[in-house]
C-alpha atoms as a PDB file:
ATOM      1  CA  MET A   1      -5.488  12.041   0.011  1.00  0.00           C
ATOM      2  CA  SER A   2      -5.132  14.086   3.194  1.00  0.00           C
ATOM      3  CA  SER A   3      -8.768  15.214   2.923  1.00  0.00           C
ATOM      4  CA  GLY A   4     -10.097  11.733   2.236  1.00  0.00           C
ATOM      5  CA  ARG A   5     -10.566  12.099  -1.504  1.00  0.00           C
ATOM      6  CA  ARG A   6     -10.550   8.884  -3.492  1.00  0.00           C
ATOM      7  CA  CYS A   7      -7.418   8.388  -5.599  1.00  0.00           C
ATOM      8  CA  TRP A   8      -6.467   5.744  -8.136  1.00  0.00           C
ATOM      9  CA  ILE A   9      -3.339   4.299  -9.656  1.00  0.00           C
ATOM     10  CA  VAL A  10      -3.814   4.116 -13.426  1.00  0.00           C
ATOM     11  CA  ASP A  11      -1.534   2.105 -15.716  1.00  0.00           C
ATOM     12  CA  SER A  12      -0.682   2.774 -19.353  1.00  0.00           C
ATOM     13  CA  ARG A  13      -3.429   0.378 -20.478  1.00  0.00           C
ATOM     14  CA  GLY A  14      -6.033   2.432 -18.632  1.00  0.00           C
ATOM     15  CA  HIS A  15      -6.588  -0.056 -15.798  1.00  0.00           C
ATOM     16  CA  ARG A  16      -7.395   1.633 -12.494  1.00  0.00           C
ATOM     17  CA  ARG A  17      -7.009   0.400  -8.939  1.00  0.00           C
ATOM     18  CA  LEU A  18      -8.049   2.319  -5.862  1.00  0.00           C
ATOM     19  CA  ILE A  19      -5.211   3.639  -3.712  1.00  0.00           C
ATOM     20  CA  PRO A  20      -5.514   2.450  -0.082  1.00  0.00           C
ATOM     21  CA  ALA A  21      -5.511   6.018   1.247  1.00  0.00           C
ATOM     22  CA  GLY A  22      -6.501   5.016   4.771  1.00  0.00           C
ATOM     23  CA  ARG A  23      -3.574   2.608   4.979  1.00  0.00           C
ATOM     24  CA  TRP A  24      -1.116   5.205   3.702  1.00  0.00           C
ATOM     25  CA  LEU A  25      -2.376   7.866   6.103  1.00  0.00           C
ATOM     26  CA  GLY A  26      -2.347   5.469   9.042  1.00  0.00           C
ATOM     27  CA  GLY A  27      -3.754   6.120  12.487  1.00  0.00           C
ATOM     28  CA  GLU A  28      -7.486   6.172  13.070  1.00  0.00           C
ATOM     29  CA  VAL A  29      -8.380   6.311   9.368  1.00  0.00           C
ATOM     30  CA  SER A  30      -6.648   2.971   8.725  1.00  0.00           C
ATOM     31  CA  THR A  31      -8.216  -0.414   9.450  1.00  0.00           C
ATOM     32  CA  PRO A  32      -7.455  -2.408  12.611  1.00  0.00           C
ATOM     33  CA  ALA A  33      -5.722  -5.005  10.425  1.00  0.00           C
ATOM     34  CA  ASP A  34      -3.464  -2.381   8.861  1.00  0.00           C
ATOM     35  CA  ARG A  35      -2.627  -0.960  12.276  1.00  0.00           C
ATOM     36  CA  ILE A  36      -1.507  -4.429  13.365  1.00  0.00           C
ATOM     37  CA  ALA A  37       0.684  -4.795  10.257  1.00  0.00           C
ATOM     38  CA  ASP A  38       2.166  -1.328  10.726  1.00  0.00           C
ATOM     39  CA  ALA A  39       2.948  -2.109  14.361  1.00  0.00           C
ATOM     40  CA  THR A  40       4.824  -5.236  13.245  1.00  0.00           C
ATOM     41  CA  ILE A  41       6.907  -3.192  10.792  1.00  0.00           C
ATOM     42  CA  LEU A  42       7.621  -0.547  13.417  1.00  0.00           C
ATOM     43  CA  ARG A  43       8.860  -3.171  15.888  1.00  0.00           C
ATOM     44  CA  GLY A  44      11.622  -3.955  13.416  1.00  0.00           C
ATOM     45  CA  CYS A  45      12.728  -0.319  13.203  1.00  0.00           C
ATOM     46  CA  THR A  46      14.811  -0.203  16.363  1.00  0.00           C
ATOM     47  CA  GLU A  47      17.769   1.605  14.779  1.00  0.00           C
ATOM     48  CA  PRO A  48      18.046   4.932  12.888  1.00  0.00           C
ATOM     49  CA  THR A  49      15.625   4.457  10.003  1.00  0.00           C
ATOM     50  CA  LEU A  50      15.543   5.876   6.476  1.00  0.00           C
ATOM     51  CA  ASP A  51      11.977   5.689   5.146  1.00  0.00           C
ATOM     52  CA  LEU A  52      12.234   5.730   1.342  1.00  0.00           C
ATOM     53  CA  GLY A  53       9.094   6.934  -0.401  1.00  0.00           C
ATOM     54  CA  CYS A  54       7.673   7.971   2.976  1.00  0.00           C
ATOM     55  CA  GLY A  55       4.402   9.331   1.570  1.00  0.00           C
ATOM     56  CA  PRO A  56       2.262  10.979   4.280  1.00  0.00           C
ATOM     57  CA  GLY A  57       4.857   9.894   6.837  1.00  0.00           C
ATOM     58  CA  ARG A  58       3.024   7.541   9.142  1.00  0.00           C
ATOM     59  CA  PHE A  59       6.158   5.498   9.887  1.00  0.00           C
ATOM     60  CA  THR A  60       8.582   8.429  10.041  1.00  0.00           C
ATOM     61  CA  ALA A  61       6.332  10.384  12.398  1.00  0.00           C
ATOM     62  CA  GLU A  62       5.573   7.419  14.643  1.00  0.00           C
ATOM     63  CA  LEU A  63       9.273   6.597  14.989  1.00  0.00           C
ATOM     64  CA  ALA A  64       9.881  10.197  16.042  1.00  0.00           C
ATOM     65  CA  THR A  65       7.373   9.764  18.868  1.00  0.00           C
ATOM     66  CA  ARG A  66       9.311   6.667  19.922  1.00  0.00           C
ATOM     67  CA  ARG A  67      12.561   8.654  19.895  1.00  0.00           C
ATOM     68  CA  VAL A  68      14.007   6.524  17.102  1.00  0.00           C
ATOM     69  CA  PRO A  69      15.954   8.758  14.674  1.00  0.00           C
ATOM     70  CA  ALA A  70      14.108   8.634  11.353  1.00  0.00           C
ATOM     71  CA  LEU A  71      14.173  10.494   8.056  1.00  0.00           C
ATOM     72  CA  GLY A  72      11.552  10.290   5.342  1.00  0.00           C
ATOM     73  CA  VAL A  73      12.366  10.863   1.671  1.00  0.00           C
ATOM     74  CA  ASP A  74       9.767  11.515  -1.014  1.00  0.00           C
ATOM     75  CA  LEU A  75       9.552  13.264  -4.380  1.00  0.00           C
ATOM     76  CA  SER A  76       6.228  14.817  -3.434  1.00  0.00           C
ATOM     77  CA  ALA A  77       6.299  18.209  -1.727  1.00  0.00           C
ATOM     78  CA  ALA A  78       2.832  17.481  -0.322  1.00  0.00           C
ATOM     79  CA  ALA A  79       4.061  14.222   1.219  1.00  0.00           C
ATOM     80  CA  VAL A  80       7.012  15.957   2.853  1.00  0.00           C
ATOM     81  CA  GLU A  81       4.716  18.667   4.213  1.00  0.00           C
ATOM     82  CA  MET A  82       2.330  16.080   5.659  1.00  0.00           C
ATOM     83  CA  THR A  83       5.201  14.188   7.289  1.00  0.00           C
ATOM     84  CA  THR A  84       6.638  17.277   8.942  1.00  0.00           C
ATOM     85  CA  ARG A  85       3.176  18.417  10.039  1.00  0.00           C
ATOM     86  CA  ARG A  86       2.843  15.088  11.852  1.00  0.00           C
ATOM     87  CA  GLY A  87       6.103  15.624  13.701  1.00  0.00           C
ATOM     88  CA  GLY A  88       8.476  13.658  11.456  1.00  0.00           C
ATOM     89  CA  ILE A  89      11.550  14.864   9.602  1.00  0.00           C
ATOM     90  CA  ALA A  90      11.475  14.525   5.826  1.00  0.00           C
ATOM     91  CA  LEU A  91      13.172  15.876   2.751  1.00  0.00           C
ATOM     92  CA  ARG A  92      12.018  16.168  -0.804  1.00  0.00           C
ATOM     93  CA  GLY A  93      14.275  14.251  -3.143  1.00  0.00           C
ATOM     94  CA  ASP A  94      15.028  11.297  -5.364  1.00  0.00           C
ATOM     95  CA  VAL A  95      15.915   8.134  -3.444  1.00  0.00           C
ATOM     96  CA  PHE A  96      18.681   7.467  -5.994  1.00  0.00           C
ATOM     97  CA  ALA A  97      20.275  10.901  -5.460  1.00  0.00           C
ATOM     98  CA  PRO A  98      22.779  11.551  -2.652  1.00  0.00           C
ATOM     99  CA  LEU A  99      21.119  11.340   0.767  1.00  0.00           C
ATOM    100  CA  PRO A 100      22.215  12.192   4.313  1.00  0.00           C
ATOM    101  CA  ALA A 101      24.291   9.639   6.256  1.00  0.00           C
ATOM    102  CA  GLU A 102      24.724   7.198   3.371  1.00  0.00           C
ATOM    103  CA  GLY A 103      26.125   3.948   4.702  1.00  0.00           C
ATOM    104  CA  GLY A 104      25.026   4.814   8.230  1.00  0.00           C
ATOM    105  CA  TRP A 105      21.383   3.790   8.518  1.00  0.00           C
ATOM    106  CA  GLY A 106      20.502   0.888  10.762  1.00  0.00           C
ATOM    107  CA  ARG A 107      17.240   0.314   8.908  1.00  0.00           C
ATOM    108  CA  VAL A 108      16.124   1.183   5.388  1.00  0.00           C
ATOM    109  CA  LEU A 109      12.349   0.958   5.066  1.00  0.00           C
ATOM    110  CA  LEU A 110      10.557   0.217   1.798  1.00  0.00           C
ATOM    111  CA  ALA A 111       6.956   0.095   2.974  1.00  0.00           C
ATOM    112  CA  ASP A 112       3.825  -0.083   0.819  1.00  0.00           C
ATOM    113  CA  GLY A 113       5.591  -1.793  -2.071  1.00  0.00           C
ATOM    114  CA  ASN A 114       8.238   0.916  -2.451  1.00  0.00           C
ATOM    115  CA  ILE A 115      10.698  -1.728  -3.572  1.00  0.00           C
ATOM    116  CA  GLY A 116       9.026  -0.953  -6.913  1.00  0.00           C
ATOM    117  CA  ILE A 117      10.200   2.678  -7.113  1.00  0.00           C
ATOM    118  CA  GLY A 118      11.775   3.289 -10.505  1.00  0.00           C
ATOM    119  CA  GLY A 119      10.496   0.048 -11.995  1.00  0.00           C
ATOM    120  CA  ASP A 120      13.667  -1.960 -11.191  1.00  0.00           C
ATOM    121  CA  PRO A 121      13.577  -3.845  -7.855  1.00  0.00           C
ATOM    122  CA  VAL A 122      17.213  -4.950  -8.038  1.00  0.00           C
ATOM    123  CA  ARG A 123      18.357  -1.373  -8.528  1.00  0.00           C
ATOM    124  CA  MET A 124      16.197  -0.290  -5.596  1.00  0.00           C
ATOM    125  CA  LEU A 125      17.593  -3.024  -3.368  1.00  0.00           C
ATOM    126  CA  ARG A 126      21.164  -2.183  -4.353  1.00  0.00           C
ATOM    127  CA  ARG A 127      20.458   1.432  -3.442  1.00  0.00           C
ATOM    128  CA  ALA A 128      19.051   0.363  -0.089  1.00  0.00           C
ATOM    129  CA  ARG A 129      22.167  -1.719   0.552  1.00  0.00           C
ATOM    130  CA  GLU A 130      24.369   1.330  -0.146  1.00  0.00           C
ATOM    131  CA  LEU A 131      22.481   3.273   2.507  1.00  0.00           C
ATOM    132  CA  LEU A 132      22.792   0.608   5.226  1.00  0.00           C
ATOM    133  CA  ALA A 133      25.233   0.689   8.100  1.00  0.00           C
ATOM    134  CA  PRO A 134      27.177  -2.529   8.761  1.00  0.00           C
ATOM    135  CA  GLY A 135      24.785  -4.984  10.384  1.00  0.00           C
ATOM    136  CA  GLY A 136      21.734  -3.016   9.215  1.00  0.00           C
ATOM    137  CA  LEU A 137      18.522  -4.348   7.729  1.00  0.00           C
ATOM    138  CA  VAL A 138      16.315  -3.548   4.766  1.00  0.00           C
ATOM    139  CA  ILE A 139      12.654  -3.991   5.702  1.00  0.00           C
ATOM    140  CA  ALA A 140      10.292  -4.139   2.745  1.00  0.00           C
ATOM    141  CA  GLU A 141       6.690  -4.902   1.873  1.00  0.00           C
ATOM    142  CA  VAL A 142       6.072  -7.041  -1.182  1.00  0.00           C
ATOM    143  CA  ASP A 143       3.051  -8.508  -2.941  1.00  0.00           C
ATOM    144  CA  SER A 144       1.507 -11.937  -2.431  1.00  0.00           C
ATOM    145  CA  PRO A 145       3.464 -15.015  -3.552  1.00  0.00           C
ATOM    146  CA  GLN A 146       1.148 -15.335  -6.550  1.00  0.00           C
ATOM    147  CA  ARG A 147       2.400 -12.038  -7.980  1.00  0.00           C
ATOM    148  CA  GLU A 148       5.177 -12.315 -10.556  1.00  0.00           C
ATOM    149  CA  ILE A 149       7.800  -9.613 -11.073  1.00  0.00           C
ATOM    150  CA  GLY A 150       6.453  -6.944 -13.372  1.00  0.00           C
ATOM    151  CA  ALA A 151       7.063  -3.275 -14.193  1.00  0.00           C
ATOM    152  CA  GLU A 152       4.621  -0.768 -15.630  1.00  0.00           C
ATOM    153  CA  SER A 153       4.115   2.929 -16.247  1.00  0.00           C
ATOM    154  CA  VAL A 154       1.617   4.345 -13.773  1.00  0.00           C
ATOM    155  CA  ARG A 155       0.242   7.651 -12.570  1.00  0.00           C
ATOM    156  CA  TRP A 156      -2.011   8.823  -9.758  1.00  0.00           C
ATOM    157  CA  GLU A 157      -5.401  10.324 -10.493  1.00  0.00           C
ATOM    158  CA  SER A 158      -8.101  11.951  -8.385  1.00  0.00           C
ATOM    159  CA  ASP A 159     -10.976  14.276  -9.121  1.00  0.00           C
ATOM    160  CA  ARG A 160      -8.559  17.195  -8.763  1.00  0.00           C
ATOM    161  CA  MET A 161      -5.178  16.080 -10.038  1.00  0.00           C
ATOM    162  CA  VAL A 162      -3.302  13.835 -12.437  1.00  0.00           C
ATOM    163  CA  SER A 163       0.352  13.064 -11.759  1.00  0.00           C
ATOM    164  CA  ALA A 164       3.139  12.533 -14.259  1.00  0.00           C
ATOM    165  CA  TRP A 165       3.808   8.989 -15.498  1.00  0.00           C
ATOM    166  CA  HIS A 166       6.487   7.021 -13.667  1.00  0.00           C
ATOM    167  CA  LEU A 167       7.821   3.468 -13.655  1.00  0.00           C
ATOM    168  CA  TRP A 168       6.736   1.127 -10.884  1.00  0.00           C
ATOM    169  CA  ALA A 169       7.409  -2.560 -10.248  1.00  0.00           C
ATOM    170  CA  ARG A 170       5.512  -5.150  -8.233  1.00  0.00           C
ATOM    171  CA  VAL A 171       7.298  -8.137  -6.683  1.00  0.00           C
ATOM    172  CA  GLY A 172       5.774 -11.315  -5.271  1.00  0.00           C
ATOM    173  CA  ALA A 173       6.988 -12.667  -1.938  1.00  0.00           C
ATOM    174  CA  ASN A 174       8.220 -15.854  -3.589  1.00  0.00           C
ATOM    175  CA  MET A 175      10.584 -13.866  -5.833  1.00  0.00           C
ATOM    176  CA  ILE A 176      12.207 -11.596  -3.266  1.00  0.00           C
ATOM    177  CA  GLY A 177      14.934 -14.001  -2.124  1.00  0.00           C
ATOM    178  CA  GLY A 178      16.453 -14.273  -5.591  1.00  0.00           C
ATOM    179  CA  LEU A 179      16.287 -10.523  -6.174  1.00  0.00           C
ATOM    180  CA  ALA A 180      17.906  -9.862  -2.816  1.00  0.00           C
ATOM    181  CA  GLU A 181      20.794 -12.191  -3.691  1.00  0.00           C
ATOM    182  CA  VAL A 182      21.442 -10.372  -6.979  1.00  0.00           C
ATOM    183  CA  ALA A 183      21.459  -7.063  -5.081  1.00  0.00           C
ATOM    184  CA  GLY A 184      23.987  -8.241  -2.485  1.00  0.00           C
ATOM    185  CA  LEU A 185      21.446  -8.880   0.249  1.00  0.00           C
ATOM    186  CA  ARG A 186      20.261 -11.998   2.037  1.00  0.00           C
ATOM    187  CA  LEU A 187      16.656 -12.676   2.970  1.00  0.00           C
ATOM    188  CA  ILE A 188      16.524 -13.450   6.681  1.00  0.00           C
ATOM    189  CA  GLU A 189      12.811 -13.205   7.475  1.00  0.00           C
ATOM    190  CA  SER A 190       9.519 -13.317   5.617  1.00  0.00           C
ATOM    191  CA  ILE A 191       6.205 -12.993   7.427  1.00  0.00           C
ATOM    192  CA  THR A 192       2.554 -12.463   6.602  1.00  0.00           C
ATOM    193  CA  VAL A 193       0.566 -10.174   8.891  1.00  0.00           C
ATOM    194  CA  SER A 194      -2.990  -9.012   8.285  1.00  0.00           C
ATOM    195  CA  GLY A 195      -2.726 -10.086   4.662  1.00  0.00           C
ATOM    196  CA  ARG A 196       0.430  -8.032   4.050  1.00  0.00           C
ATOM    197  CA  PHE A 197       3.834  -9.523   3.215  1.00  0.00           C
ATOM    198  CA  VAL A 198       6.887  -8.163   5.038  1.00  0.00           C
ATOM    199  CA  VAL A 199      10.496  -9.210   4.543  1.00  0.00           C
ATOM    200  CA  ALA A 200      13.806  -8.359   6.195  1.00  0.00           C
ATOM    201  CA  MET A 201      17.167  -8.520   4.423  1.00  0.00           C
ATOM    202  CA  CYS A 202      20.759  -7.978   5.499  1.00  0.00           C
ATOM    203  CA  ALA A 203      23.897  -7.268   3.503  1.00  0.00           C
ATOM    204  CA  VAL A 204      26.071 -10.254   2.581  1.00  0.00           C
END
């Protein structure tokens, strides 16, 4: 991804969809629309931010330039390396394993559909709630309202690599309020920007 190679997400039925590598990398290789959406997300990250599934680290690194304390977490060693190379701080690890400053983060970020990590959105939201400081917010990207809740086994593929299979869920914007309630959160904002769906939730 860092060199611009095309990558796909492949599900267990063999269906492939192109990974939006430019969006995930951010900066000049992303589209103007995605830069607008990212800027909207970043404006919400005014407190110490934990970026779960940080990937190449565009949010973690940008927050560092803004002097907002931020930590990225990702299972991929390559993702952690890319984040640190860009000036962010990141660690390699499982988002469900113990993490630094649990219960002390002003913002927990689940960008790029990372609410789907592990295939169970309620579990992911409960984990995010555990990580929040009192008065903190979970900021997440979800799918369009037409998307129903669904989990699937997926892997990444490129011309040079094939990842292991892992569970992933996709959640439509119209479903997030109910899931948040089950997880002990309350939906306080839902916006659409540049065709992307961003929500903010607080603990109840």
